[in-house]
Every structure is written in C-alpha cells, then in structure tokens.
Amino acid sequence: MATTSLAPTPKLQFFDANGAPLADGLLYTYEAGSTTPLVTYTDSTGVSLNTNPITLDSRGEANVWLGAAIYKFALYTSAGVLIWTVDNINGNTFASTATGDGTTTAFSVVNGFTAIYINGVYQNRNTYVVTSGTVTFTQAPPYTSIIEVVYN
C-alpha cells in the first residue's frame, strides 16, 4: 500500500477564466519537472487510483490524494486547452487537526507549518499570529469547525 497525504484541501476545486466551476476539466499529474505520469489516489487508503487525467465533476471538483513524491499538475479545459501548470507540488505533506468550539482562539501547533485551513478554507496570515508554538486567531473558529494545520 502506498503512503499518501491529502492535497491542501479535502476536495480540489478548479474554475474557468470567468470564475465558473471547471466542469469536466482535466487534471494531469506528473513527476515534477517532467511529463511522466504520476499516480494519485481517490482516498487516503492509497489503494484506488485516480485516472490520469483526472476528469473533474460538474462542480469542477475531484478527490486527489498524493503519494510520497513531488508532483507537477497541468490543468486543462474539457476541450483540451491548457489553463496552467504548477511544478514541485510536495506530496510529503502532513496535517494536524483540531475542532473549534466557537470561543477558543489559541491552539497549539508545531513550528514550521505552511498553511492553516478552517473547514477547507485557507486562512490568510492576517487572521492569526504565531508565537512559541501557539497559533492565535483574531476570531474564534466556529463551533465544530475543523482546523487543519498543514506541514511540509
């Protein structure tokens, strides 16, 4: 069984140039710096492989779990028009989670994290401060919200 990690959000979603979901878009996954296809997975088990390319659903979404590798992504429209490529996406990412209670603003973290998400939404760095292994939000995350701290 492969070692996997979750791409930065639980479900990746992509949009066209007008901001509409990229329905039936195509996401190709490659070894970094190449056009050699590299597998991704449909879930955390690392057993079920995605197709390559991954066909996005009607909301422009897909489940994309990465193996322990460095990737290149290439995103295309359903007509095969290249939108972008991003190289050197680190599949060796891991995360820790906490649950918001609606009142707590401070949470323990390990130094060296790269991003924070609340319910899958990236939190801008101006919404929290980090001191001595504690992240303090300017506003308490909502009750039962999932706080995900991502490390590389």
Protein backbone atom coordinates (compact mmCIF):
# COMPACT_ATOMS: atom_id res chain seq x y z
CA MET A 1 0.00 0.00 0.00
CA ALA A 2 1.28 3.48 -0.88
CA THR A 3 1.92 6.24 1.63
CA THR A 4 -0.48 9.10 0.86
CA SER A 5 -1.23 12.61 2.00
CA LEU A 6 -4.14 14.90 1.35
CA ALA A 7 -3.65 17.67 -1.17
CA PRO A 8 -4.03 21.06 0.55
CA THR A 9 -7.85 20.87 0.67
CA PRO A 10 -10.08 17.80 1.12
CA LYS A 11 -11.55 18.19 -2.36
CA LEU A 12 -9.75 20.18 -5.01
CA GLN A 13 -11.94 22.59 -6.97
CA PHE A 14 -10.96 24.44 -10.13
CA PHE A 15 -12.53 27.36 -12.01
CA ASP A 16 -12.50 28.71 -15.56
CA ALA A 17 -11.36 32.23 -16.53
CA ASN A 18 -14.85 33.57 -15.72
CA GLY A 19 -14.89 32.13 -12.21
CA ALA A 20 -17.33 29.33 -13.05
CA PRO A 21 -16.56 25.76 -11.91
CA LEU A 22 -14.38 23.97 -14.47
CA ALA A 23 -16.93 21.23 -15.21
CA ASP A 24 -15.37 18.22 -16.94
CA GLY A 25 -11.93 19.86 -16.77
CA LEU A 26 -8.87 17.62 -16.89
CA LEU A 27 -6.11 17.50 -14.29
CA TYR A 28 -2.95 15.70 -15.38
CA THR A 29 -0.46 14.66 -12.69
CA TYR A 30 3.22 14.14 -13.50
CA GLU A 31 6.56 13.60 -11.82
CA ALA A 32 7.99 17.04 -11.03
CA GLY A 33 9.89 18.60 -13.90
CA SER A 34 8.64 16.10 -16.46
CA THR A 35 5.68 14.78 -18.41
CA THR A 36 6.00 11.31 -16.90
CA PRO A 37 2.57 10.44 -15.43
CA LEU A 38 2.48 10.03 -11.64
CA VAL A 39 -0.37 8.32 -9.82
CA THR A 40 -2.73 9.98 -7.37
CA TYR A 41 -5.41 8.30 -5.28
CA THR A 42 -9.14 8.72 -4.72
CA ASP A 43 -8.85 8.40 -0.93
CA SER A 44 -6.44 8.07 1.98
CA THR A 45 -6.00 4.32 1.62
CA GLY A 46 -3.73 4.70 -1.39
CA VAL A 47 -5.44 1.71 -2.99
CA SER A 48 -7.86 3.27 -5.51
CA LEU A 49 -6.04 5.13 -8.26
CA ASN A 50 -7.42 8.21 -9.98
CA THR A 51 -7.45 8.17 -13.75
CA ASN A 52 -4.77 10.31 -15.37
CA PRO A 53 -6.01 12.72 -16.42
CA ILE A 54 -8.50 13.17 -13.60
CA THR A 55 -11.85 14.33 -15.00
CA LEU A 56 -13.40 17.00 -12.78
CA ASP A 57 -17.08 16.68 -11.83
CA SER A 58 -19.83 19.21 -12.68
CA ARG A 59 -18.64 21.42 -9.79
CA GLY A 60 -15.04 21.34 -11.06
CA GLU A 61 -14.05 19.12 -8.13
CA ALA A 62 -12.07 15.93 -7.60
CA ASN A 63 -10.69 13.86 -4.73
CA VAL A 64 -6.92 13.99 -5.13
CA TRP A 65 -4.67 12.26 -2.62
CA LEU A 66 -0.96 12.40 -3.31
CA GLY A 67 1.72 9.77 -2.86
CA ALA A 68 5.06 10.48 -1.19
CA ALA A 69 6.53 12.22 -4.23
CA ILE A 70 7.00 15.63 -5.82
CA TYR A 71 4.36 16.36 -8.50
CA LYS A 72 3.62 18.60 -11.43
CA PHE A 73 -0.06 19.38 -12.15
CA ALA A 74 -1.38 20.52 -15.53
CA LEU A 75 -4.97 21.77 -15.71
CA TYR A 76 -6.90 21.73 -18.99
CA THR A 77 -10.42 22.60 -20.09
CA SER A 78 -12.66 19.76 -21.27
CA ALA A 79 -11.69 20.81 -24.82
CA GLY A 80 -8.01 20.20 -24.05
CA VAL A 81 -6.91 23.85 -23.73
CA LEU A 82 -4.12 24.31 -21.18
CA ILE A 83 -5.05 26.65 -18.32
CA TRP A 84 -1.92 26.32 -16.16
CA THR A 85 0.83 24.06 -14.93
CA VAL A 86 2.33 24.04 -11.44
CA ASP A 87 5.56 22.21 -10.75
CA ASN A 88 7.11 20.92 -7.50
CA ILE A 89 3.95 20.16 -5.50
CA ASN A 90 5.12 18.31 -2.43
CA GLY A 91 3.26 15.07 -1.72
CA ASN A 92 5.18 14.71 1.55
CA THR A 93 2.74 17.00 3.33
CA PHE A 94 1.04 16.08 6.58
CA ALA A 95 -1.54 17.81 8.73
CA SER A 96 -2.78 18.03 12.27
CA THR A 97 -6.35 18.93 13.13
CA ALA A 98 -8.36 20.46 15.95
CA THR A 99 -12.04 21.24 16.35
CA GLY A 100 -13.32 24.74 17.02
CA ASP A 101 -15.67 25.34 19.93
CA GLY A 102 -16.75 28.86 18.98
CA THR A 103 -14.86 30.53 21.83
CA THR A 104 -11.25 29.28 21.86
CA THR A 105 -8.85 31.39 19.79
CA ALA A 106 -5.47 29.78 20.70
CA PHE A 107 -4.32 26.33 19.53
CA SER A 108 -1.00 24.51 19.89
CA VAL A 109 0.98 23.92 16.70
CA VAL A 110 4.37 22.62 15.72
CA ASN A 111 6.63 25.27 14.25
CA GLY A 112 7.20 25.01 10.51
CA PHE A 113 3.62 24.75 9.26
CA THR A 114 2.88 26.09 5.80
CA ALA A 115 -0.87 26.77 5.85
CA ILE A 116 -3.99 26.75 8.02
CA TYR A 117 -7.48 25.83 6.81
CA ILE A 118 -10.82 26.08 8.62
CA ASN A 119 -13.44 23.76 7.11
CA GLY A 120 -11.28 23.52 4.00
CA VAL A 121 -10.94 27.29 3.52
CA TYR A 122 -7.40 28.72 3.52
CA GLN A 123 -6.83 31.26 6.30
CA ASN A 124 -4.89 34.38 5.33
CA ARG A 125 -1.92 35.07 7.57
CA ASN A 126 -3.52 38.31 8.74
CA THR A 127 -6.23 36.28 10.55
CA TYR A 128 -3.84 34.77 13.10
CA VAL A 129 -0.48 35.20 14.83
CA VAL A 130 2.01 32.53 15.83
CA THR A 131 4.14 32.70 18.97
CA SER A 132 6.06 29.92 20.70
CA GLY A 133 4.13 27.01 19.20
CA THR A 134 0.70 28.60 19.55
CA VAL A 135 -1.48 29.96 16.79
CA THR A 136 -3.96 32.61 17.97
CA PHE A 137 -6.82 33.56 15.65
CA THR A 138 -8.23 37.08 15.64
CA GLN A 139 -11.68 35.48 15.85
CA ALA A 140 -12.57 32.09 17.34
CA PRO A 141 -13.17 29.39 14.71
CA PRO A 142 -16.87 28.43 14.62
CA TYR A 143 -18.33 25.66 16.76
CA THR A 144 -17.49 22.18 15.36
CA SER A 145 -15.29 23.67 12.61
CA ILE A 146 -12.29 21.61 11.57
CA ILE A 147 -8.99 23.45 11.90
CA GLU A 148 -6.30 21.87 9.75
CA VAL A 149 -2.64 22.83 10.11
CA VAL A 150 -0.57 21.68 7.12
CA TYR A 151 3.16 20.98 7.29
CA ASN A 152 5.72 20.23 4.58
